[in-house]
Amino acid sequence: MTSSNHKAFPVTWDQFHRDSKALAWRLIGIGEAKGGWNAIVSITRGGLVPAAIIARELGIRKIETVCIASYHEYKDQGELVVLKQISEKLVNETGGKGDGILVIDDLTDTGATAKKVREMLPNAHIATVYAKPSGVPFADTFVTEVSQDTWIYFPWDMEMAYVEPISGRSDG
């Protein structure tokens, strides 16, 4: 996001863990209704942490990755680049459709990444921890919706430092 007029939404490790666990709770019933989840496909890099939490909570041991780069220099969302495809073996196990596959990501922003994965696994269930309005139609399940002009600062992107008050005033 290149605009300086965005809302900051910093997420701590504790909050991200709670939100990922909340996503797992939502996915339990959905998975049971579909006959269970056979595997997780984590969209890297953002989907790695929630995928680990969800895999633990749902007892899923088969985890695959798809590596798609969409953000460049952590600020500009640009052209999608598929760096690593989903394993051919896993795709073939589902008849090429993705039935029983749970796709996990941290965020759906514009939905472009989810749309790309949907092309690879049309019947997979795409779940994200956070979603922006443009991305909502591309996620089957998510926990928290934030406005399109919100920039989420994930815990792996932050270090401890002083933060200016929202008003910009410091009456210290």
N, C-alpha and C. Protein backbone atom coordinates (compact mmCIF):
# COMPACT_ATOMS: atom_id res chain seq x y z
N MET A 1 0.86 -1.16 0.00
CA MET A 1 0.00 0.00 0.00
C MET A 1 0.91 1.22 0.00
N THR A 2 0.80 2.04 -1.00
CA THR A 2 1.70 3.16 -1.13
C THR A 2 1.16 4.44 -0.50
N SER A 3 -0.13 4.52 -0.28
CA SER A 3 -0.72 5.73 0.28
C SER A 3 -0.31 5.91 1.73
N SER A 4 -0.03 7.17 2.10
CA SER A 4 0.29 7.44 3.49
C SER A 4 -0.99 7.67 4.29
N ASN A 5 -2.15 7.67 3.63
CA ASN A 5 -3.43 7.88 4.29
C ASN A 5 -4.10 6.54 4.60
N HIS A 6 -3.37 5.67 5.23
CA HIS A 6 -3.95 4.38 5.58
C HIS A 6 -4.05 4.25 7.09
N LYS A 7 -4.92 3.35 7.51
CA LYS A 7 -5.09 3.07 8.93
C LYS A 7 -4.13 1.95 9.30
N ALA A 8 -3.46 2.11 10.41
CA ALA A 8 -2.54 1.08 10.89
C ALA A 8 -3.28 0.13 11.82
N PHE A 9 -3.05 -1.16 11.61
CA PHE A 9 -3.64 -2.20 12.45
C PHE A 9 -2.53 -3.14 12.86
N PRO A 10 -1.80 -2.79 13.95
CA PRO A 10 -0.72 -3.68 14.39
C PRO A 10 -1.30 -4.90 15.11
N VAL A 11 -0.79 -6.07 14.79
CA VAL A 11 -1.27 -7.32 15.36
C VAL A 11 -0.12 -7.95 16.14
N THR A 12 -0.36 -8.24 17.42
CA THR A 12 0.65 -8.87 18.25
C THR A 12 0.65 -10.38 18.01
N TRP A 13 1.70 -11.05 18.48
CA TRP A 13 1.75 -12.52 18.38
C TRP A 13 0.58 -13.14 19.10
N ASP A 14 0.23 -12.63 20.29
CA ASP A 14 -0.88 -13.19 21.05
C ASP A 14 -2.20 -13.04 20.29
N GLN A 15 -2.43 -11.85 19.74
CA GLN A 15 -3.67 -11.62 19.00
C GLN A 15 -3.73 -12.50 17.76
N PHE A 16 -2.61 -12.61 17.05
CA PHE A 16 -2.61 -13.42 15.83
C PHE A 16 -2.87 -14.88 16.16
N HIS A 17 -2.31 -15.37 17.27
CA HIS A 17 -2.55 -16.75 17.69
C HIS A 17 -4.03 -16.95 18.02
N ARG A 18 -4.61 -16.01 18.77
CA ARG A 18 -6.05 -16.11 19.11
C ARG A 18 -6.91 -16.08 17.85
N ASP A 19 -6.60 -15.18 16.92
CA ASP A 19 -7.39 -15.07 15.69
C ASP A 19 -7.24 -16.32 14.83
N SER A 20 -6.04 -16.89 14.77
CA SER A 20 -5.82 -18.13 14.00
C SER A 20 -6.57 -19.29 14.64
N LYS A 21 -6.59 -19.32 15.97
CA LYS A 21 -7.32 -20.37 16.67
C LYS A 21 -8.83 -20.20 16.45
N ALA A 22 -9.30 -18.97 16.42
CA ALA A 22 -10.71 -18.70 16.12
C ALA A 22 -11.06 -19.20 14.71
N LEU A 23 -10.13 -19.02 13.78
CA LEU A 23 -10.34 -19.54 12.42
C LEU A 23 -10.44 -21.06 12.46
N ALA A 24 -9.59 -21.70 13.25
CA ALA A 24 -9.65 -23.16 13.38
C ALA A 24 -11.01 -23.60 13.91
N TRP A 25 -11.54 -22.89 14.90
CA TRP A 25 -12.86 -23.23 15.44
C TRP A 25 -13.92 -23.18 14.33
N ARG A 26 -13.87 -22.17 13.50
CA ARG A 26 -14.84 -22.05 12.40
C ARG A 26 -14.69 -23.18 11.39
N LEU A 27 -13.45 -23.62 11.19
CA LEU A 27 -13.19 -24.63 10.16
C LEU A 27 -13.54 -26.05 10.60
N ILE A 28 -13.65 -26.28 11.91
CA ILE A 28 -13.96 -27.63 12.40
C ILE A 28 -15.28 -28.11 11.81
N GLY A 29 -16.34 -27.37 12.01
CA GLY A 29 -17.66 -27.77 11.53
C GLY A 29 -17.74 -27.85 10.02
N ILE A 30 -17.09 -26.92 9.35
CA ILE A 30 -17.10 -26.92 7.88
C ILE A 30 -16.41 -28.18 7.37
N GLY A 31 -15.28 -28.52 7.97
CA GLY A 31 -14.54 -29.73 7.57
C GLY A 31 -15.35 -30.99 7.81
N GLU A 32 -16.01 -31.05 8.96
CA GLU A 32 -16.84 -32.22 9.26
C GLU A 32 -17.96 -32.37 8.24
N ALA A 33 -18.57 -31.27 7.85
CA ALA A 33 -19.65 -31.30 6.86
C ALA A 33 -19.16 -31.75 5.49
N LYS A 34 -17.88 -31.53 5.21
CA LYS A 34 -17.30 -31.89 3.91
C LYS A 34 -16.61 -33.26 3.95
N GLY A 35 -16.70 -33.95 5.07
CA GLY A 35 -16.04 -35.25 5.17
C GLY A 35 -14.62 -35.19 5.67
N GLY A 36 -14.21 -34.05 6.18
CA GLY A 36 -12.87 -33.89 6.75
C GLY A 36 -11.90 -33.22 5.80
N TRP A 37 -10.86 -32.67 6.41
CA TRP A 37 -9.79 -32.04 5.63
C TRP A 37 -8.68 -33.06 5.43
N ASN A 38 -8.25 -33.25 4.19
CA ASN A 38 -7.19 -34.19 3.88
C ASN A 38 -5.80 -33.56 3.98
N ALA A 39 -5.72 -32.26 3.75
CA ALA A 39 -4.42 -31.57 3.76
C ALA A 39 -4.64 -30.07 3.83
N ILE A 40 -3.57 -29.39 4.19
CA ILE A 40 -3.55 -27.92 4.16
C ILE A 40 -2.55 -27.51 3.08
N VAL A 41 -2.93 -26.48 2.33
CA VAL A 41 -1.98 -25.79 1.45
C VAL A 41 -1.83 -24.39 2.02
N SER A 42 -0.63 -24.08 2.45
CA SER A 42 -0.32 -22.77 3.01
C SER A 42 0.20 -21.87 1.89
N ILE A 43 -0.38 -20.67 1.79
CA ILE A 43 0.12 -19.69 0.84
C ILE A 43 1.25 -18.94 1.55
N THR A 44 2.46 -19.10 1.03
CA THR A 44 3.60 -18.48 1.69
C THR A 44 3.79 -17.06 1.17
N ARG A 45 4.33 -16.30 2.08
CA ARG A 45 4.84 -16.61 3.39
C ARG A 45 3.82 -16.38 4.48
N GLY A 46 2.88 -15.48 4.25
CA GLY A 46 1.94 -15.10 5.30
C GLY A 46 1.09 -16.22 5.85
N GLY A 47 0.83 -17.25 5.07
CA GLY A 47 -0.02 -18.34 5.52
C GLY A 47 0.69 -19.38 6.36
N LEU A 48 2.02 -19.29 6.48
CA LEU A 48 2.76 -20.31 7.21
C LEU A 48 2.40 -20.38 8.69
N VAL A 49 2.34 -19.25 9.36
CA VAL A 49 2.06 -19.24 10.80
C VAL A 49 0.63 -19.70 11.07
N PRO A 50 -0.39 -19.12 10.43
CA PRO A 50 -1.73 -19.62 10.72
C PRO A 50 -1.92 -21.08 10.30
N ALA A 51 -1.25 -21.52 9.25
CA ALA A 51 -1.36 -22.92 8.83
C ALA A 51 -0.83 -23.85 9.91
N ALA A 52 0.27 -23.47 10.55
CA ALA A 52 0.83 -24.29 11.62
C ALA A 52 -0.14 -24.38 12.80
N ILE A 53 -0.74 -23.26 13.17
CA ILE A 53 -1.69 -23.24 14.28
C ILE A 53 -2.93 -24.07 13.94
N ILE A 54 -3.46 -23.87 12.76
CA ILE A 54 -4.67 -24.58 12.34
C ILE A 54 -4.40 -26.07 12.18
N ALA A 55 -3.24 -26.42 11.63
CA ALA A 55 -2.88 -27.84 11.48
C ALA A 55 -2.85 -28.51 12.85
N ARG A 56 -2.29 -27.85 13.83
CA ARG A 56 -2.24 -28.41 15.18
C ARG A 56 -3.64 -28.57 15.75
N GLU A 57 -4.44 -27.53 15.65
CA GLU A 57 -5.78 -27.54 16.25
C GLU A 57 -6.72 -28.54 15.57
N LEU A 58 -6.55 -28.75 14.28
CA LEU A 58 -7.44 -29.66 13.55
C LEU A 58 -6.84 -31.05 13.36
N GLY A 59 -5.61 -31.25 13.83
CA GLY A 59 -4.98 -32.56 13.72
C GLY A 59 -4.61 -32.94 12.30
N ILE A 60 -4.26 -31.96 11.50
CA ILE A 60 -3.88 -32.21 10.10
C ILE A 60 -2.36 -32.28 10.02
N ARG A 61 -1.85 -33.35 9.43
CA ARG A 61 -0.39 -33.52 9.35
C ARG A 61 0.16 -33.31 7.94
N LYS A 62 -0.70 -33.39 6.94
CA LYS A 62 -0.22 -33.20 5.57
C LYS A 62 -0.34 -31.72 5.22
N ILE A 63 0.83 -31.07 5.08
CA ILE A 63 0.87 -29.64 4.80
C ILE A 63 1.76 -29.39 3.59
N GLU A 64 1.23 -28.68 2.64
CA GLU A 64 1.92 -28.34 1.40
C GLU A 64 1.97 -26.82 1.32
N THR A 65 2.83 -26.29 0.48
CA THR A 65 2.89 -24.85 0.27
C THR A 65 2.72 -24.52 -1.21
N VAL A 66 2.22 -23.33 -1.43
CA VAL A 66 2.26 -22.71 -2.74
C VAL A 66 2.88 -21.34 -2.49
N CYS A 67 3.88 -21.00 -3.27
CA CYS A 67 4.62 -19.76 -3.03
C CYS A 67 4.25 -18.75 -4.11
N ILE A 68 3.53 -17.72 -3.68
CA ILE A 68 3.09 -16.67 -4.59
C ILE A 68 3.50 -15.34 -4.01
N ALA A 69 4.23 -14.57 -4.76
CA ALA A 69 4.64 -13.24 -4.32
C ALA A 69 3.73 -12.21 -4.96
N SER A 70 3.15 -11.35 -4.12
CA SER A 70 2.31 -10.29 -4.65
C SER A 70 2.72 -8.92 -4.11
N TYR A 71 3.27 -8.89 -2.90
CA TYR A 71 3.75 -7.63 -2.34
C TYR A 71 5.24 -7.53 -2.58
N HIS A 72 5.65 -6.38 -3.00
CA HIS A 72 7.06 -6.16 -3.29
C HIS A 72 7.54 -5.01 -2.41
N GLU A 73 8.65 -5.23 -1.73
CA GLU A 73 9.20 -4.26 -0.79
C GLU A 73 8.20 -3.94 0.32
N TYR A 74 7.31 -4.89 0.65
CA TYR A 74 6.36 -4.79 1.76
C TYR A 74 5.39 -3.62 1.65
N LYS A 75 5.25 -3.01 0.49
CA LYS A 75 4.33 -1.88 0.42
C LYS A 75 3.51 -1.85 -0.85
N ASP A 76 4.04 -2.34 -1.94
CA ASP A 76 3.33 -2.26 -3.20
C ASP A 76 2.84 -3.64 -3.62
N GLN A 77 1.52 -3.72 -3.85
CA GLN A 77 1.02 -4.98 -4.38
C GLN A 77 1.13 -4.90 -5.89
N GLY A 78 1.86 -5.84 -6.45
CA GLY A 78 2.11 -5.81 -7.88
C GLY A 78 1.68 -7.10 -8.55
N GLU A 79 2.34 -7.41 -9.62
CA GLU A 79 2.04 -8.59 -10.41
C GLU A 79 2.31 -9.86 -9.59
N LEU A 80 1.40 -10.81 -9.70
CA LEU A 80 1.59 -12.08 -9.00
C LEU A 80 2.66 -12.90 -9.68
N VAL A 81 3.52 -13.48 -8.85
CA VAL A 81 4.57 -14.36 -9.36
C VAL A 81 4.47 -15.67 -8.59
N VAL A 82 4.20 -16.78 -9.31
CA VAL A 82 4.16 -18.08 -8.67
C VAL A 82 5.59 -18.61 -8.62
N LEU A 83 6.13 -18.68 -7.41
CA LEU A 83 7.50 -19.11 -7.21
C LEU A 83 7.60 -20.63 -7.04
N LYS A 84 6.53 -21.24 -6.50
CA LYS A 84 6.48 -22.69 -6.31
C LYS A 84 5.03 -23.14 -6.42
N GLN A 85 4.80 -24.11 -7.28
CA GLN A 85 3.47 -24.68 -7.46
C GLN A 85 3.12 -25.64 -6.33
N ILE A 86 1.86 -25.96 -6.21
CA ILE A 86 1.40 -27.01 -5.29
C ILE A 86 1.89 -28.33 -5.84
N SER A 87 2.29 -29.25 -4.96
CA SER A 87 2.84 -30.52 -5.43
C SER A 87 1.85 -31.22 -6.36
N GLU A 88 2.38 -31.74 -7.44
CA GLU A 88 1.57 -32.44 -8.43
C GLU A 88 0.88 -33.65 -7.79
N LYS A 89 1.58 -34.31 -6.86
CA LYS A 89 1.01 -35.48 -6.20
C LYS A 89 -0.27 -35.10 -5.44
N LEU A 90 -0.23 -34.01 -4.66
CA LEU A 90 -1.41 -33.59 -3.91
C LEU A 90 -2.54 -33.18 -4.85
N VAL A 91 -2.22 -32.45 -5.88
CA VAL A 91 -3.24 -32.04 -6.85
C VAL A 91 -3.88 -33.27 -7.47
N ASN A 92 -3.08 -34.26 -7.84
CA ASN A 92 -3.61 -35.48 -8.46
C ASN A 92 -4.46 -36.29 -7.50
N GLU A 93 -4.10 -36.29 -6.20
CA GLU A 93 -4.88 -37.02 -5.20
C GLU A 93 -6.31 -36.51 -5.12
N THR A 94 -6.54 -35.28 -5.51
CA THR A 94 -7.88 -34.69 -5.45
C THR A 94 -8.54 -34.67 -6.82
N GLY A 95 -7.97 -35.39 -7.77
CA GLY A 95 -8.51 -35.37 -9.12
C GLY A 95 -8.34 -34.03 -9.80
N GLY A 96 -7.37 -33.25 -9.29
CA GLY A 96 -7.09 -31.95 -9.87
C GLY A 96 -8.03 -30.85 -9.43
N LYS A 97 -8.95 -31.16 -8.52
CA LYS A 97 -9.97 -30.17 -8.13
C LYS A 97 -9.76 -29.56 -6.75
N GLY A 98 -9.07 -30.27 -5.85
CA GLY A 98 -8.81 -29.71 -4.53
C GLY A 98 -9.82 -30.08 -3.47
N ASP A 99 -10.69 -31.06 -3.73
CA ASP A 99 -11.65 -31.48 -2.71
C ASP A 99 -10.92 -31.95 -1.45
N GLY A 100 -11.39 -31.49 -0.29
CA GLY A 100 -10.77 -31.87 0.97
C GLY A 100 -9.52 -31.09 1.32
N ILE A 101 -9.17 -30.11 0.49
CA ILE A 101 -7.97 -29.31 0.73
C ILE A 101 -8.37 -27.98 1.37
N LEU A 102 -7.67 -27.62 2.42
CA LEU A 102 -7.87 -26.37 3.12
C LEU A 102 -6.70 -25.46 2.78
N VAL A 103 -6.97 -24.34 2.14
CA VAL A 103 -5.94 -23.37 1.76
C VAL A 103 -5.95 -22.26 2.82
N ILE A 104 -4.77 -21.97 3.38
CA ILE A 104 -4.67 -20.99 4.46
C ILE A 104 -3.75 -19.84 4.07
N ASP A 105 -4.21 -18.61 4.37
CA ASP A 105 -3.38 -17.42 4.21
C ASP A 105 -3.67 -16.48 5.37
N ASP A 106 -2.78 -15.52 5.57
CA ASP A 106 -2.99 -14.56 6.66
C ASP A 106 -4.05 -13.54 6.30
N LEU A 107 -4.11 -13.14 5.02
CA LEU A 107 -4.95 -12.02 4.61
C LEU A 107 -5.36 -12.18 3.15
N THR A 108 -6.60 -11.81 2.86
CA THR A 108 -6.97 -11.60 1.47
C THR A 108 -7.24 -10.10 1.32
N ASP A 109 -6.45 -9.46 0.50
CA ASP A 109 -6.50 -8.01 0.32
C ASP A 109 -7.38 -7.69 -0.90
N THR A 110 -6.86 -7.91 -2.08
CA THR A 110 -7.64 -7.70 -3.30
C THR A 110 -8.28 -9.00 -3.78
N GLY A 111 -7.82 -10.12 -3.25
CA GLY A 111 -8.32 -11.43 -3.67
C GLY A 111 -7.52 -12.03 -4.81
N ALA A 112 -6.53 -11.32 -5.32
CA ALA A 112 -5.77 -11.80 -6.47
C ALA A 112 -5.04 -13.11 -6.18
N THR A 113 -4.43 -13.22 -5.01
CA THR A 113 -3.70 -14.45 -4.68
C THR A 113 -4.68 -15.61 -4.52
N ALA A 114 -5.77 -15.38 -3.79
CA ALA A 114 -6.78 -16.44 -3.61
C ALA A 114 -7.36 -16.86 -4.95
N LYS A 115 -7.58 -15.92 -5.83
CA LYS A 115 -8.11 -16.24 -7.16
C LYS A 115 -7.14 -17.13 -7.92
N LYS A 116 -5.86 -16.84 -7.81
CA LYS A 116 -4.82 -17.64 -8.48
C LYS A 116 -4.83 -19.08 -7.93
N VAL A 117 -4.93 -19.21 -6.61
CA VAL A 117 -4.97 -20.55 -6.01
C VAL A 117 -6.26 -21.26 -6.40
N ARG A 118 -7.35 -20.54 -6.48
CA ARG A 118 -8.64 -21.14 -6.88
C ARG A 118 -8.54 -21.71 -8.30
N GLU A 119 -7.75 -21.08 -9.16
CA GLU A 119 -7.54 -21.62 -10.50
C GLU A 119 -6.80 -22.96 -10.42
N MET A 120 -5.90 -23.09 -9.45
CA MET A 120 -5.14 -24.33 -9.28
C MET A 120 -5.96 -25.43 -8.64
N LEU A 121 -6.79 -25.07 -7.66
CA LEU A 121 -7.61 -26.03 -6.90
C LEU A 121 -9.03 -25.47 -6.78
N PRO A 122 -9.85 -25.65 -7.81
CA PRO A 122 -11.17 -25.00 -7.82
C PRO A 122 -12.10 -25.36 -6.66
N ASN A 123 -11.99 -26.57 -6.11
CA ASN A 123 -12.90 -26.99 -5.05
C ASN A 123 -12.30 -26.87 -3.65
N ALA A 124 -11.10 -26.34 -3.53
CA ALA A 124 -10.47 -26.17 -2.22
C ALA A 124 -11.24 -25.13 -1.42
N HIS A 125 -11.09 -25.19 -0.12
CA HIS A 125 -11.71 -24.22 0.80
C HIS A 125 -10.63 -23.22 1.20
N ILE A 126 -10.82 -21.96 0.85
CA ILE A 126 -9.83 -20.92 1.13
C ILE A 126 -10.24 -20.19 2.41
N ALA A 127 -9.32 -20.19 3.39
CA ALA A 127 -9.58 -19.55 4.68
C ALA A 127 -8.44 -18.60 4.99
N THR A 128 -8.80 -17.40 5.46
CA THR A 128 -7.81 -16.41 5.84
C THR A 128 -8.14 -15.87 7.22
N VAL A 129 -7.14 -15.39 7.90
CA VAL A 129 -7.37 -14.82 9.21
C VAL A 129 -8.06 -13.46 9.05
N TYR A 130 -7.55 -12.64 8.16
CA TYR A 130 -8.10 -11.31 7.93
C TYR A 130 -8.54 -11.16 6.48
N ALA A 131 -9.51 -10.26 6.26
CA ALA A 131 -10.00 -10.01 4.90
C ALA A 131 -10.35 -8.54 4.74
N LYS A 132 -10.04 -8.01 3.57
CA LYS A 132 -10.46 -6.66 3.20
C LYS A 132 -11.63 -6.79 2.24
N PRO A 133 -12.48 -5.77 2.12
CA PRO A 133 -13.68 -5.87 1.31
C PRO A 133 -13.46 -6.39 -0.12
N SER A 134 -12.39 -5.96 -0.77
CA SER A 134 -12.13 -6.44 -2.14
C SER A 134 -11.77 -7.92 -2.17
N GLY A 135 -11.24 -8.43 -1.07
CA GLY A 135 -10.83 -9.82 -1.00
C GLY A 135 -11.89 -10.76 -0.46
N VAL A 136 -12.91 -10.22 0.23
CA VAL A 136 -13.93 -11.06 0.86
C VAL A 136 -14.56 -12.07 -0.10
N PRO A 137 -14.92 -11.70 -1.33
CA PRO A 137 -15.55 -12.69 -2.21
C PRO A 137 -14.66 -13.88 -2.57
N PHE A 138 -13.36 -13.77 -2.32
CA PHE A 138 -12.43 -14.83 -2.71
C PHE A 138 -12.07 -15.76 -1.55
N ALA A 139 -12.52 -15.43 -0.34
CA ALA A 139 -12.26 -16.28 0.83
C ALA A 139 -13.56 -16.98 1.22
N ASP A 140 -13.47 -18.27 1.45
CA ASP A 140 -14.66 -19.01 1.89
C ASP A 140 -14.93 -18.77 3.38
N THR A 141 -13.86 -18.60 4.15
CA THR A 141 -13.98 -18.37 5.59
C THR A 141 -12.88 -17.40 6.02
N PHE A 142 -13.22 -16.48 6.91
CA PHE A 142 -12.23 -15.59 7.50
C PHE A 142 -12.72 -15.20 8.88
N VAL A 143 -11.85 -14.58 9.68
CA VAL A 143 -12.20 -14.22 11.04
C VAL A 143 -12.58 -12.75 11.17
N THR A 144 -11.72 -11.86 10.67
CA THR A 144 -11.91 -10.42 10.89
C THR A 144 -11.81 -9.67 9.58
N GLU A 145 -12.80 -8.81 9.34
CA GLU A 145 -12.74 -7.93 8.17
C GLU A 145 -12.24 -6.57 8.59
N VAL A 146 -11.32 -6.02 7.82
CA VAL A 146 -10.80 -4.67 8.06
C VAL A 146 -11.05 -3.85 6.79
N SER A 147 -11.07 -2.54 6.92
CA SER A 147 -11.32 -1.68 5.77
C SER A 147 -10.21 -1.81 4.74
N GLN A 148 -10.54 -1.47 3.51
CA GLN A 148 -9.58 -1.61 2.41
C GLN A 148 -8.35 -0.73 2.62
N ASP A 149 -8.53 0.41 3.31
CA ASP A 149 -7.40 1.32 3.50
C ASP A 149 -6.62 1.03 4.79
N THR A 150 -6.84 -0.14 5.36
CA THR A 150 -6.11 -0.54 6.56
C THR A 150 -4.87 -1.34 6.17
N TRP A 151 -3.74 -0.99 6.79
CA TRP A 151 -2.51 -1.74 6.59
C TRP A 151 -2.28 -2.55 7.84
N ILE A 152 -2.27 -3.89 7.69
CA ILE A 152 -2.05 -4.77 8.83
C ILE A 152 -0.56 -4.97 9.01
N TYR A 153 -0.09 -4.67 10.21
CA TYR A 153 1.30 -4.91 10.56
C TYR A 153 1.35 -6.23 11.33
N PHE A 154 1.83 -7.27 10.67
CA PHE A 154 1.89 -8.58 11.29
C PHE A 154 3.07 -8.65 12.25
N PRO A 155 2.97 -9.52 13.27
CA PRO A 155 4.02 -9.54 14.29
C PRO A 155 5.40 -9.89 13.75
N TRP A 156 5.49 -10.65 12.69
CA TRP A 156 6.80 -11.00 12.13
C TRP A 156 7.42 -9.84 11.36
N ASP A 157 6.67 -8.77 11.16
CA ASP A 157 7.19 -7.59 10.46
C ASP A 157 7.54 -6.45 11.41
N MET A 158 7.39 -6.68 12.73
CA MET A 158 7.55 -5.59 13.69
C MET A 158 8.62 -5.89 14.73
N GLU A 159 9.11 -4.83 15.31
CA GLU A 159 9.99 -4.91 16.46
C GLU A 159 9.46 -3.92 17.49
N MET A 160 9.89 -4.07 18.71
CA MET A 160 9.45 -3.16 19.76
C MET A 160 10.04 -1.77 19.52
N ALA A 161 9.16 -0.77 19.46
CA ALA A 161 9.61 0.61 19.26
C ALA A 161 8.50 1.57 19.70
N TYR A 162 8.87 2.81 19.97
CA TYR A 162 7.91 3.84 20.31
C TYR A 162 7.00 4.11 19.12
N VAL A 163 5.72 4.35 19.39
CA VAL A 163 4.75 4.66 18.35
C VAL A 163 4.09 5.98 18.70
N GLU A 164 4.00 6.86 17.72
CA GLU A 164 3.32 8.15 17.91
C GLU A 164 1.85 7.91 18.21
N PRO A 165 1.22 8.76 19.03
CA PRO A 165 -0.23 8.65 19.25
C PRO A 165 -0.99 8.89 17.95
N ILE A 166 -2.18 8.35 17.85
CA ILE A 166 -2.99 8.50 16.63
C ILE A 166 -3.20 9.97 16.30
N SER A 167 -3.43 10.80 17.32
CA SER A 167 -3.69 12.23 17.09
C SER A 167 -2.45 12.97 16.63
N GLY A 168 -1.29 12.35 16.83
CA GLY A 168 -0.05 13.03 16.49
C GLY A 168 0.44 13.94 17.61
N ARG A 169 -0.36 14.07 18.67
CA ARG A 169 -0.01 14.93 19.81
C ARG A 169 0.69 14.09 20.87
N SER A 170 1.66 14.64 21.45
CA SER A 170 2.35 14.01 22.57
C SER A 170 2.45 15.02 23.70
N ASP A 171 1.53 14.94 24.65
CA ASP A 171 1.48 15.90 25.74
C ASP A 171 2.31 15.42 26.93
N GLY A 172 3.40 14.73 26.63
CA GLY A 172 4.18 14.06 27.60
C GLY A 172 4.88 14.77 28.60
